[in-house]
Amino acid sequence: MSASGGTKAIVAALVANLSIAVAKFVAFLFSGSSSMLAESVHSLADSGNQGLLLLGGKKARREATPQHPFGYGRERYIYAFLVSIVLFSVGGMFAVYEGYEKIKHPHEIEAWYWPVGVLVFAIIAEIFSFRTAIRESNQTRGDRSWTEFVRHSKAPELPVVLLEDLGALVGLILALAGVGLALGTGNGVWDGIGTLCIGILLILIAIILAVETKSLLLGESAGIEDVEKIGAAVVDGDTVTRIIHMRTLHLGPEELLVAAKIAVRHDETAAEVADAINAAENRIREAVPIARVIYLEPDIYNADSAATGVNPGRASGPPAAGTTTSKAPGTDPAPGTDPAPGTDPAPGTDPAPGTDPGAGTGPGH
């Protein structure tokens, strides 16, 4: 997700929520509707949330420092998590409390045209904000479903705005239904029930946001598509023959760390390996531009180690060509026994008949 697209959606939501909050509060003062009070607090909380998202985006753009060498990209995740807390505490819990009080102590709605008129205006304004968020999200969503987009997006702003706007629209419909039923039946309990439903809705949305942003805070890997692009870019089939293992981590929505152990040919010189690593890093950045921090470690691939799940390239198996295996003093093989594979016989001893002194000293696979 581009930062500009997210900012545009946030600003649109902020303008809509501020205007709606003022209108709802005025309607509450004239009508005494608890649904209108809950909705005005909800809109104020949403406005504060948009302010938090904008602040997080600004802080994330700071340059890296010696104390924070990977930069401040995760500030956007932190402020998105704060949004879920504000939505839960200020929006959801207040609405639940207000709904409970209204059900316990119901009263008739006065000046009904105020809440009804404001709710209609608020629905129109929220549709405008929601439409903007959908349009900006479609630019990066691709062919993913909306559920997949919210769950797997590495940039938190658009999913947060989408869920907030969706919750606001559903909440407005619930408020309108509660007010309408209270007016139609003359029973103010329905206004309280509508308020209670709004609170439960906001709490559910806050929990979803908290779970998703928590995953981003803990650190998520690159998406499957980006991982495949990186894997294809690393291997050149010449010096770099394969990836032994690789890890990716999002340092921020638009910054990716790539760390990999790569297999190189055993007969390459240090200069050739260094050139191959530099070329692989360039290919990775071309394939996935957000891969800004890359660490590649060369090693000799060993099939036995890979089969047993050992990460280091040559943690076990025969040594590479040109290396010798040292023995501790006094560890010569006993008379009449063959030396261990891959070791040199003790001075003055002959290998067993039919054995090759160099057995097991070929290059790693």
Protein backbone atom coordinates (compact mmCIF):
# COMPACT_ATOMS: atom_id res chain seq x y z
CA MET A 1 0.00 0.00 0.00
CA SER A 2 1.33 3.39 -0.86
CA ALA A 3 1.58 5.85 1.98
CA SER A 4 -0.18 8.51 -0.11
CA GLY A 5 -3.19 6.26 -0.71
CA GLY A 6 -3.49 5.51 2.99
CA THR A 7 -3.18 9.18 3.91
CA LYS A 8 -5.92 10.17 1.48
CA ALA A 9 -8.32 7.65 3.00
CA ILE A 10 -7.41 8.73 6.54
CA VAL A 11 -7.98 12.42 5.81
CA ALA A 12 -11.35 11.68 4.15
CA ALA A 13 -12.41 9.65 7.21
CA LEU A 14 -11.18 12.37 9.59
CA VAL A 15 -13.18 15.12 7.85
CA ALA A 16 -16.31 12.96 7.77
CA ASN A 17 -16.04 11.89 11.41
CA LEU A 18 -15.45 15.37 12.78
CA SER A 19 -18.49 16.79 10.97
CA ILE A 20 -20.61 13.81 12.00
CA ALA A 21 -19.50 14.04 15.65
CA VAL A 22 -20.62 17.68 15.90
CA ALA A 23 -23.96 16.94 14.25
CA LYS A 24 -24.64 13.92 16.49
CA PHE A 25 -23.82 15.80 19.67
CA VAL A 26 -26.17 18.64 18.70
CA ALA A 27 -28.90 16.06 18.01
CA PHE A 28 -28.30 14.48 21.44
CA LEU A 29 -28.65 17.86 23.17
CA PHE A 30 -32.05 18.46 21.53
CA SER A 31 -33.44 14.92 21.70
CA GLY A 32 -31.80 13.25 24.70
CA SER A 33 -31.28 10.06 22.66
CA SER A 34 -28.66 7.74 24.19
CA SER A 35 -27.98 6.32 20.73
CA MET A 36 -27.02 9.77 19.54
CA LEU A 37 -24.71 10.29 22.54
CA ALA A 38 -23.04 6.90 21.94
CA GLU A 39 -22.67 7.67 18.25
CA SER A 40 -21.18 11.12 18.92
CA VAL A 41 -18.58 9.56 21.24
CA HIS A 42 -17.97 6.88 18.60
CA SER A 43 -17.30 9.53 15.95
CA LEU A 44 -15.00 11.46 18.29
CA ALA A 45 -13.07 8.26 19.01
CA ASP A 46 -12.80 7.58 15.27
CA SER A 47 -11.50 11.12 14.70
CA GLY A 48 -8.87 10.56 17.37
CA ASN A 49 -7.96 7.27 15.73
CA GLN A 50 -7.38 8.95 12.38
CA GLY A 51 -5.17 11.47 14.16
CA LEU A 52 -3.16 8.59 15.65
CA LEU A 53 -2.72 6.98 12.22
CA LEU A 54 -1.48 10.25 10.73
CA LEU A 55 0.92 10.72 13.65
CA GLY A 56 2.24 7.18 13.26
CA GLY A 57 2.86 7.73 9.56
CA LYS A 58 4.81 10.90 10.30
CA LYS A 59 6.98 9.27 12.99
CA ALA A 60 7.68 6.26 10.76
CA ARG A 61 9.40 8.52 8.22
CA ARG A 62 12.23 9.42 10.60
CA GLU A 63 15.75 8.45 9.58
CA ALA A 64 17.46 5.47 11.17
CA THR A 65 19.73 6.16 14.14
CA PRO A 66 22.55 4.18 15.80
CA GLN A 67 20.08 3.24 18.52
CA HIS A 68 17.43 2.21 15.96
CA PRO A 69 19.52 1.06 12.97
CA PHE A 70 16.53 -0.42 11.13
CA GLY A 71 14.54 2.80 11.29
CA TYR A 72 11.10 3.57 12.67
CA GLY A 73 8.81 1.83 10.18
CA ARG A 74 7.03 -0.11 12.92
CA GLU A 75 5.70 3.12 14.41
CA ARG A 76 2.78 2.67 12.02
CA TYR A 77 2.00 -0.71 13.59
CA ILE A 78 2.23 0.71 17.13
CA TYR A 79 -0.21 3.53 16.42
CA ALA A 80 -2.60 1.17 14.62
CA PHE A 81 -2.59 -0.98 17.77
CA LEU A 82 -3.36 2.09 19.86
CA VAL A 83 -6.34 2.70 17.58
CA SER A 84 -7.80 -0.68 18.55
CA ILE A 85 -7.38 0.17 22.25
CA VAL A 86 -9.08 3.57 21.84
CA LEU A 87 -11.91 2.04 19.81
CA PHE A 88 -12.45 -0.64 22.47
CA SER A 89 -12.26 1.58 25.55
CA VAL A 90 -13.68 4.92 24.44
CA GLY A 91 -16.09 3.78 21.72
CA GLY A 92 -17.20 0.27 22.61
CA MET A 93 -17.22 0.26 26.42
CA PHE A 94 -18.86 3.69 26.66
CA ALA A 95 -21.65 2.62 24.29
CA VAL A 96 -22.24 -0.59 26.26
CA TYR A 97 -22.45 1.38 29.51
CA GLU A 98 -24.77 4.01 27.99
CA GLY A 99 -27.00 1.32 26.47
CA TYR A 100 -27.26 -0.50 29.80
CA GLU A 101 -28.22 2.71 31.59
CA LYS A 102 -30.86 3.55 28.96
CA ILE A 103 -32.39 0.08 29.17
CA LYS A 104 -32.44 0.32 32.97
CA HIS A 105 -33.85 3.85 32.97
CA PRO A 106 -35.67 4.40 29.65
CA HIS A 107 -37.18 7.71 28.63
CA GLU A 108 -38.93 8.99 25.53
CA ILE A 109 -37.02 10.67 22.72
CA GLU A 110 -37.77 14.37 22.35
CA ALA A 111 -37.57 16.34 19.10
CA TRP A 112 -37.33 13.13 17.04
CA TYR A 113 -36.53 14.99 13.82
CA TRP A 114 -33.07 15.92 15.17
CA PRO A 115 -31.70 12.40 15.60
CA VAL A 116 -33.38 11.12 12.45
CA GLY A 117 -32.10 14.00 10.32
CA VAL A 118 -28.57 13.78 11.73
CA LEU A 119 -28.43 10.01 11.28
CA VAL A 120 -29.42 10.33 7.63
CA PHE A 121 -26.74 13.01 7.13
CA ALA A 122 -24.18 10.84 8.95
CA ILE A 123 -24.96 7.81 6.79
CA ILE A 124 -24.38 9.87 3.63
CA ALA A 125 -21.06 11.23 4.98
CA GLU A 126 -19.87 7.76 6.06
CA ILE A 127 -20.73 6.33 2.65
CA PHE A 128 -18.47 8.97 1.11
CA SER A 129 -15.63 8.08 3.50
CA PHE A 130 -16.15 4.33 3.04
CA ARG A 131 -16.19 4.72 -0.74
CA THR A 132 -12.84 6.55 -0.61
CA ALA A 133 -11.30 3.80 1.52
CA ILE A 134 -12.59 1.11 -0.86
CA ARG A 135 -11.25 2.94 -3.90
CA GLU A 136 -7.79 3.37 -2.35
CA SER A 137 -7.73 -0.24 -1.14
CA ASN A 138 -8.61 -1.60 -4.58
CA GLN A 139 -5.36 -0.13 -5.93
CA THR A 140 -3.34 -2.58 -3.82
CA ARG A 141 -5.81 -5.36 -3.01
CA GLY A 142 -5.35 -7.15 -6.35
CA ASP A 143 -7.44 -10.32 -6.62
CA ARG A 144 -7.55 -10.94 -2.88
CA SER A 145 -10.87 -11.04 -1.08
CA TRP A 146 -11.65 -8.29 1.41
CA THR A 147 -11.10 -10.71 4.29
CA GLU A 148 -7.67 -11.68 2.95
CA PHE A 149 -6.80 -8.02 2.38
CA VAL A 150 -7.60 -7.08 5.99
CA ARG A 151 -5.84 -10.15 7.42
CA HIS A 152 -2.68 -10.14 5.30
CA SER A 153 -2.07 -6.48 4.48
CA LYS A 154 1.33 -5.32 5.73
CA ALA A 155 0.22 -1.68 5.85
CA PRO A 156 -2.28 -1.13 8.69
CA GLU A 157 -3.89 2.18 7.69
CA LEU A 158 -6.37 1.09 5.01
CA PRO A 159 -7.63 -2.02 6.86
CA VAL A 160 -8.13 0.12 9.97
CA VAL A 161 -10.05 2.80 8.08
CA LEU A 162 -12.10 0.18 6.24
CA LEU A 163 -13.17 -1.55 9.45
CA GLU A 164 -13.85 1.75 11.21
CA ASP A 165 -16.01 3.02 8.35
CA LEU A 166 -17.84 -0.30 8.10
CA GLY A 167 -18.47 -0.25 11.84
CA ALA A 168 -19.64 3.35 11.63
CA LEU A 169 -22.12 2.57 8.86
CA VAL A 170 -23.54 -0.47 10.63
CA GLY A 171 -23.64 1.50 13.89
CA LEU A 172 -25.59 4.31 12.26
CA ILE A 173 -28.11 1.83 10.89
CA LEU A 174 -28.46 0.29 14.36
CA ALA A 175 -28.91 3.74 15.89
CA LEU A 176 -31.53 4.66 13.30
CA ALA A 177 -33.36 1.38 13.96
CA GLY A 178 -33.24 1.94 17.73
CA VAL A 179 -34.54 5.49 17.43
CA GLY A 180 -37.21 4.43 14.95
CA LEU A 181 -38.47 1.60 17.16
CA ALA A 182 -38.43 3.84 20.22
CA LEU A 183 -40.50 6.43 18.36
CA GLY A 184 -42.86 3.86 16.87
CA THR A 185 -43.55 1.98 20.12
CA GLY A 186 -43.16 4.87 22.54
CA ASN A 187 -40.73 2.69 24.50
CA GLY A 188 -37.29 4.20 25.08
CA VAL A 189 -35.82 0.76 25.82
CA TRP A 190 -35.34 0.25 22.08
CA ASP A 191 -33.05 3.27 22.00
CA GLY A 192 -30.96 1.63 24.71
CA ILE A 193 -30.91 -1.70 22.85
CA GLY A 194 -29.66 0.06 19.73
CA THR A 195 -26.91 1.73 21.79
CA LEU A 196 -25.91 -1.61 23.34
CA CYS A 197 -25.66 -3.22 19.90
CA ILE A 198 -23.40 -0.37 18.75
CA GLY A 199 -21.10 -0.99 21.71
CA ILE A 200 -20.85 -4.73 21.04
CA LEU A 201 -20.11 -4.05 17.36
CA LEU A 202 -17.31 -1.62 18.21
CA ILE A 203 -15.75 -4.06 20.69
CA LEU A 204 -15.74 -6.84 18.07
CA ILE A 205 -14.06 -4.57 15.50
CA ALA A 206 -11.52 -3.45 18.12
CA ILE A 207 -10.64 -7.08 18.89
CA ILE A 208 -10.14 -7.87 15.19
CA LEU A 209 -7.88 -4.83 14.78
CA ALA A 210 -5.90 -5.72 17.91
CA VAL A 211 -5.28 -9.29 16.73
CA GLU A 212 -4.15 -8.26 13.25
CA THR A 213 -1.91 -5.38 14.38
CA LYS A 214 -0.41 -7.57 17.12
CA SER A 215 0.73 -10.00 14.43
CA LEU A 216 2.39 -7.12 12.55
CA LEU A 217 4.07 -5.89 15.73
CA LEU A 218 5.50 -9.34 16.45
CA GLY A 219 6.97 -9.37 12.95
CA GLU A 220 5.52 -10.92 9.80
CA SER A 221 7.38 -12.39 6.87
CA ALA A 222 6.99 -11.23 3.29
CA GLY A 223 3.96 -12.41 1.36
CA ILE A 224 4.14 -15.64 -0.63
CA GLU A 225 4.42 -13.77 -3.93
CA ASP A 226 7.36 -11.67 -2.72
CA VAL A 227 9.11 -14.72 -1.22
CA GLU A 228 8.88 -16.48 -4.58
CA LYS A 229 10.27 -13.43 -6.39
CA ILE A 230 13.19 -13.21 -3.95
CA GLY A 231 13.96 -16.92 -4.30
CA ALA A 232 14.01 -16.68 -8.08
CA ALA A 233 16.23 -13.58 -7.97
CA VAL A 234 18.86 -15.07 -5.65
CA VAL A 235 19.80 -18.14 -7.68
CA ASP A 236 21.75 -17.42 -10.87
CA GLY A 237 22.53 -21.06 -11.72
CA ASP A 238 26.23 -20.24 -12.01
CA THR A 239 27.93 -19.23 -8.77
CA VAL A 240 24.80 -19.27 -6.58
CA THR A 241 23.29 -22.72 -7.06
CA ARG A 242 20.47 -22.72 -4.51
CA ILE A 243 19.05 -21.23 -1.30
CA ILE A 244 19.87 -23.36 1.73
CA HIS A 245 17.44 -21.44 3.93
CA MET A 246 15.94 -17.95 3.99
CA ARG A 247 14.10 -15.68 6.40
CA THR A 248 12.21 -12.46 5.66
CA LEU A 249 10.83 -9.87 8.08
CA HIS A 250 8.85 -6.67 7.61
CA LEU A 251 10.65 -3.84 9.40
CA GLY A 252 7.73 -1.64 8.37
CA PRO A 253 4.94 -1.71 5.80
CA GLU A 254 7.30 -0.66 3.02
CA GLU A 255 10.64 -2.02 4.24
CA LEU A 256 11.67 -5.67 4.15
CA LEU A 257 14.64 -7.49 5.67
CA VAL A 258 15.97 -10.53 3.79
CA ALA A 259 18.48 -12.94 5.35
CA ALA A 260 19.54 -16.08 3.51
CA LYS A 261 22.23 -18.74 3.48
CA ILE A 262 23.05 -19.46 -0.15
CA ALA A 263 24.93 -22.34 -1.73
CA VAL A 264 27.96 -21.46 -3.87
CA ARG A 265 30.31 -23.72 -5.83
CA HIS A 266 33.20 -25.05 -3.79
CA ASP A 267 35.83 -24.04 -6.34
CA GLU A 268 34.85 -20.35 -6.59
CA THR A 269 37.32 -17.75 -5.33
CA ALA A 270 36.44 -15.26 -2.61
CA ALA A 271 36.28 -12.46 -5.18
CA GLU A 272 33.90 -14.45 -7.38
CA VAL A 273 31.65 -15.23 -4.40
CA ALA A 274 31.60 -11.55 -3.35
CA ASP A 275 30.64 -10.49 -6.89
CA ALA A 276 27.90 -13.14 -6.96
CA ILE A 277 26.47 -11.89 -3.64
CA ASN A 278 26.44 -8.27 -4.83
CA ALA A 279 24.72 -9.32 -8.06
CA ALA A 280 22.14 -11.34 -6.11
CA GLU A 281 21.36 -8.35 -3.88
CA ASN A 282 20.80 -6.16 -6.94
CA ARG A 283 18.46 -8.76 -8.46
CA ILE A 284 16.48 -8.98 -5.21
CA ARG A 285 16.00 -5.21 -5.06
CA GLU A 286 14.86 -5.14 -8.66
CA ALA A 287 12.35 -7.94 -8.07
CA VAL A 288 11.08 -6.63 -4.70
CA PRO A 289 11.89 -2.91 -4.27
CA ILE A 290 10.89 -2.85 -0.58
CA ALA A 291 13.71 -5.35 0.19
CA ARG A 292 16.10 -2.70 1.53
CA VAL A 293 18.08 -4.67 4.12
CA ILE A 294 19.69 -7.82 2.70
CA TYR A 295 22.15 -10.24 4.31
CA LEU A 296 23.43 -13.17 2.24
CA GLU A 297 25.79 -15.77 3.73
CA PRO A 298 27.63 -18.10 1.31
CA ASP A 299 28.15 -21.76 2.17
CA ILE A 300 28.75 -25.17 0.58
CA TYR A 301 25.54 -27.12 0.25
CA ASN A 302 25.44 -30.57 1.86
CA ALA A 303 22.57 -32.90 1.01
CA ASP A 304 22.87 -34.92 4.23
CA SER A 305 22.60 -31.81 6.40
CA ALA A 306 19.67 -30.51 4.39
CA ALA A 307 17.89 -33.87 4.65
CA THR A 308 18.18 -33.88 8.45
CA GLY A 309 17.00 -30.30 8.69
CA VAL A 310 20.33 -28.85 9.85
CA ASN A 311 20.45 -25.20 8.85
CA PRO A 312 24.21 -24.65 8.64
CA GLY A 313 25.44 -25.74 5.24
CA ARG A 314 28.19 -28.08 6.39
CA ALA A 315 27.27 -28.91 9.97
CA SER A 316 27.80 -32.59 9.18
CA GLY A 317 29.08 -34.74 6.37
CA PRO A 318 32.50 -34.95 4.67
CA PRO A 319 34.77 -31.89 4.57
CA ALA A 320 35.26 -29.88 1.43
CA ALA A 321 38.10 -30.60 -0.97
CA GLY A 322 41.47 -29.28 0.10
CA THR A 323 40.77 -29.54 3.83
CA THR A 324 42.29 -31.93 6.32
CA THR A 325 40.89 -33.44 9.44
CA SER A 326 43.09 -33.11 12.49
CA LYS A 327 43.36 -35.72 15.24
CA ALA A 328 44.06 -35.29 18.87
CA PRO A 329 47.43 -36.67 19.99
CA GLY A 330 47.31 -40.34 20.83
CA THR A 331 44.19 -41.09 18.82
CA ASP A 332 45.83 -43.29 16.16
CA PRO A 333 43.70 -46.24 15.11
CA ALA A 334 44.32 -49.49 16.88
CA PRO A 335 46.47 -52.08 15.04
CA GLY A 336 44.47 -53.97 12.45
CA THR A 337 41.68 -51.42 12.21
CA ASP A 338 40.88 -49.07 9.37
CA PRO A 339 41.02 -45.33 9.95
CA ALA A 340 37.68 -43.48 10.13
CA PRO A 341 36.39 -42.30 6.76
CA GLY A 342 37.72 -38.88 5.85
CA THR A 343 40.76 -39.05 8.18
CA ASP A 344 44.42 -39.52 7.35
CA PRO A 345 46.18 -42.62 8.69
CA ALA A 346 48.65 -42.09 11.50
CA PRO A 347 52.25 -41.49 10.46
CA GLY A 348 54.03 -44.70 9.70
CA THR A 349 50.88 -46.76 9.21
CA ASP A 350 49.45 -48.02 5.97
CA PRO A 351 45.78 -47.96 5.15
CA ALA A 352 43.95 -51.25 5.11
CA PRO A 353 44.21 -53.15 1.84
CA GLY A 354 41.68 -52.07 -0.75
CA THR A 355 40.98 -48.72 0.83
CA ASP A 356 41.56 -45.30 -0.64
CA PRO A 357 43.41 -42.93 1.70
CA GLY A 358 41.38 -40.01 0.32
CA ALA A 359 37.97 -41.60 0.76
CA GLY A 360 35.42 -39.18 2.11
CA THR A 361 37.46 -36.06 1.41
CA GLY A 362 35.62 -34.93 -1.69
CA PRO A 363 33.76 -31.64 -1.88
CA GLY A 364 30.47 -31.22 -0.12
CA HIS A 365 27.37 -31.69 -2.22
